[in-house]
Amino acid sequence: MQKATFDRIAELTRRSGETLQESFGQMVSEVGELSTEIYMPHRGGPDGVKGESIDVSITSIATYQQSGGTYEAFDDDMKSKLDKWDEYLKRKGK
């Protein structure tokens, strides 16, 4: 993710005035909407799976930022989590 995108999410989160708990609640709501798109597409909205996935990503990053996460830490943490996933897949022979 580009730093400008990360920073824009931070700015919009600040402007929203939401607490960490409110951002988390918004993320949970977006996960629910994504679930509807996946499991009941006939009841979904115009965003579809791709749009709701982006909404989950944005609210997840906002939650990360509100817990004190910086762009540099996000990049490092993302690499670490991807490495962990890679190792898991290797253990499974994939």
C-alpha atoms as a PDB file:
ATOM      1  CA  MET A   1       0.000   0.000   0.000  1.00  0.00           C
ATOM      2  CA  GLN A   2       1.249   3.454  -0.810  1.00  0.00           C
ATOM      3  CA  LYS A   3       1.992   5.733   2.125  1.00  0.00           C
ATOM      4  CA  ALA A   4      -0.350   8.378   0.699  1.00  0.00           C
ATOM      5  CA  THR A   5      -3.251   5.925   0.888  1.00  0.00           C
ATOM      6  CA  PHE A   6      -2.343   4.937   4.463  1.00  0.00           C
ATOM      7  CA  ASP A   7      -2.109   8.624   5.413  1.00  0.00           C
ATOM      8  CA  ARG A   8      -5.455   9.413   3.783  1.00  0.00           C
ATOM      9  CA  ILE A   9      -7.139   6.698   5.823  1.00  0.00           C
ATOM     10  CA  ALA A  10      -5.536   8.213   8.945  1.00  0.00           C
ATOM     11  CA  GLU A  11      -6.779  11.705   8.044  1.00  0.00           C
ATOM     12  CA  LEU A  12     -10.334  10.513   7.382  1.00  0.00           C
ATOM     13  CA  THR A  13     -10.303   8.518  10.608  1.00  0.00           C
ATOM     14  CA  ARG A  14      -9.212  11.610  12.561  1.00  0.00           C
ATOM     15  CA  ARG A  15     -11.924  13.688  10.894  1.00  0.00           C
ATOM     16  CA  SER A  16     -14.567  11.083  11.711  1.00  0.00           C
ATOM     17  CA  GLY A  17     -13.883  11.480  15.421  1.00  0.00           C
ATOM     18  CA  GLU A  18     -14.550   7.772  15.959  1.00  0.00           C
ATOM     19  CA  THR A  19     -13.042   5.979  18.926  1.00  0.00           C
ATOM     20  CA  LEU A  20     -11.100   2.733  18.561  1.00  0.00           C
ATOM     21  CA  GLN A  21     -14.207   0.856  19.649  1.00  0.00           C
ATOM     22  CA  GLU A  22     -16.367   2.649  17.092  1.00  0.00           C
ATOM     23  CA  SER A  23     -13.881   1.921  14.312  1.00  0.00           C
ATOM     24  CA  PHE A  24     -13.828  -1.723  15.364  1.00  0.00           C
ATOM     25  CA  GLY A  25     -17.634  -1.774  15.302  1.00  0.00           C
ATOM     26  CA  GLN A  26     -17.577  -0.319  11.792  1.00  0.00           C
ATOM     27  CA  MET A  27     -15.103  -3.000  10.719  1.00  0.00           C
ATOM     28  CA  VAL A  28     -17.350  -5.737  12.126  1.00  0.00           C
ATOM     29  CA  SER A  29     -20.292  -4.234  10.252  1.00  0.00           C
ATOM     30  CA  GLU A  30     -18.311  -4.247   7.005  1.00  0.00           C
ATOM     31  CA  VAL A  31     -17.335  -7.888   7.575  1.00  0.00           C
ATOM     32  CA  GLY A  32     -21.052  -8.633   7.915  1.00  0.00           C
ATOM     33  CA  GLU A  33     -21.747  -6.904   4.606  1.00  0.00           C
ATOM     34  CA  LEU A  34     -18.931  -8.873   2.972  1.00  0.00           C
ATOM     35  CA  SER A  35     -20.397 -12.070   4.379  1.00  0.00           C
ATOM     36  CA  THR A  36     -23.742 -11.229   2.801  1.00  0.00           C
ATOM     37  CA  GLU A  37     -22.063 -10.639  -0.558  1.00  0.00           C
ATOM     38  CA  ILE A  38     -20.317 -14.012  -0.374  1.00  0.00           C
ATOM     39  CA  TYR A  39     -23.043 -16.227   1.075  1.00  0.00           C
ATOM     40  CA  MET A  40     -26.203 -14.468  -0.132  1.00  0.00           C
ATOM     41  CA  PRO A  41     -25.226 -12.537  -3.270  1.00  0.00           C
ATOM     42  CA  HIS A  42     -28.881 -12.106  -4.229  1.00  0.00           C
ATOM     43  CA  ARG A  43     -29.246  -9.919  -1.099  1.00  0.00           C
ATOM     44  CA  GLY A  44     -26.013  -7.995  -1.627  1.00  0.00           C
ATOM     45  CA  GLY A  45     -25.593  -4.415  -2.693  1.00  0.00           C
ATOM     46  CA  PRO A  46     -23.927  -2.661  -5.599  1.00  0.00           C
ATOM     47  CA  ASP A  47     -20.406  -2.881  -4.094  1.00  0.00           C
ATOM     48  CA  GLY A  48     -20.170  -6.649  -4.441  1.00  0.00           C
ATOM     49  CA  VAL A  49     -17.419  -8.757  -2.911  1.00  0.00           C
ATOM     50  CA  LYS A  50     -14.627  -6.510  -4.215  1.00  0.00           C
ATOM     51  CA  GLY A  51     -16.133  -3.313  -2.843  1.00  0.00           C
ATOM     52  CA  GLU A  52     -16.954  -4.811   0.533  1.00  0.00           C
ATOM     53  CA  SER A  53     -13.454  -6.309   0.735  1.00  0.00           C
ATOM     54  CA  ILE A  54     -12.048  -2.810   0.283  1.00  0.00           C
ATOM     55  CA  ASP A  55     -14.384  -1.473   2.981  1.00  0.00           C
ATOM     56  CA  VAL A  56     -13.159  -4.198   5.368  1.00  0.00           C
ATOM     57  CA  SER A  57      -9.556  -3.298   4.499  1.00  0.00           C
ATOM     58  CA  ILE A  58     -10.096   0.420   5.099  1.00  0.00           C
ATOM     59  CA  THR A  59     -11.822  -0.076   8.444  1.00  0.00           C
ATOM     60  CA  SER A  60      -9.217  -2.630   9.490  1.00  0.00           C
ATOM     61  CA  ILE A  61      -6.392  -0.204   8.709  1.00  0.00           C
ATOM     62  CA  ALA A  62      -8.231   2.569  10.562  1.00  0.00           C
ATOM     63  CA  THR A  63      -8.455   0.286  13.596  1.00  0.00           C
ATOM     64  CA  TYR A  64      -4.739  -0.537  13.263  1.00  0.00           C
ATOM     65  CA  GLN A  65      -3.891   3.163  13.124  1.00  0.00           C
ATOM     66  CA  GLN A  66      -6.022   4.014  16.122  1.00  0.00           C
ATOM     67  CA  SER A  67      -4.124   1.447  18.153  1.00  0.00           C
ATOM     68  CA  GLY A  68      -0.956   3.448  17.429  1.00  0.00           C
ATOM     69  CA  GLY A  69       0.211   1.765  14.233  1.00  0.00           C
ATOM     70  CA  THR A  70       2.367   3.844  11.888  1.00  0.00           C
ATOM     71  CA  TYR A  71       2.949   3.290   8.184  1.00  0.00           C
ATOM     72  CA  GLU A  72       6.430   1.940   8.809  1.00  0.00           C
ATOM     73  CA  ALA A  73       5.164  -0.467  11.471  1.00  0.00           C
ATOM     74  CA  PHE A  74       2.281  -1.488   9.203  1.00  0.00           C
ATOM     75  CA  ASP A  75       4.687  -2.333   6.401  1.00  0.00           C
ATOM     76  CA  ASP A  76       6.908  -4.348   8.759  1.00  0.00           C
ATOM     77  CA  ASP A  77       3.934  -6.079  10.382  1.00  0.00           C
ATOM     78  CA  MET A  78       2.445  -6.915   6.988  1.00  0.00           C
ATOM     79  CA  LYS A  79       5.696  -8.488   5.825  1.00  0.00           C
ATOM     80  CA  SER A  80       5.923 -10.491   9.035  1.00  0.00           C
ATOM     81  CA  LYS A  81       2.345 -11.766   8.716  1.00  0.00           C
ATOM     82  CA  LEU A  82       2.877 -12.677   5.056  1.00  0.00           C
ATOM     83  CA  ASP A  83       6.031 -14.583   5.989  1.00  0.00           C
ATOM     84  CA  LYS A  84       4.057 -16.423   8.679  1.00  0.00           C
ATOM     85  CA  TRP A  85       1.356 -17.360   6.142  1.00  0.00           C
ATOM     86  CA  ASP A  86       4.025 -18.497   3.673  1.00  0.00           C
ATOM     87  CA  GLU A  87       5.617 -20.740   6.299  1.00  0.00           C
ATOM     88  CA  TYR A  88       2.221 -22.191   7.176  1.00  0.00           C
ATOM     89  CA  LEU A  89       1.537 -23.026   3.535  1.00  0.00           C
ATOM     90  CA  LYS A  90       4.968 -24.609   3.155  1.00  0.00           C
ATOM     91  CA  ARG A  91       4.295 -26.825   6.184  1.00  0.00           C
ATOM     92  CA  LYS A  92       1.093 -27.933   4.481  1.00  0.00           C
ATOM     93  CA  GLY A  93       3.013 -28.711   1.290  1.00  0.00           C
ATOM     94  CA  LYS A  94       1.467 -25.887  -0.721  1.00  0.00           C
END
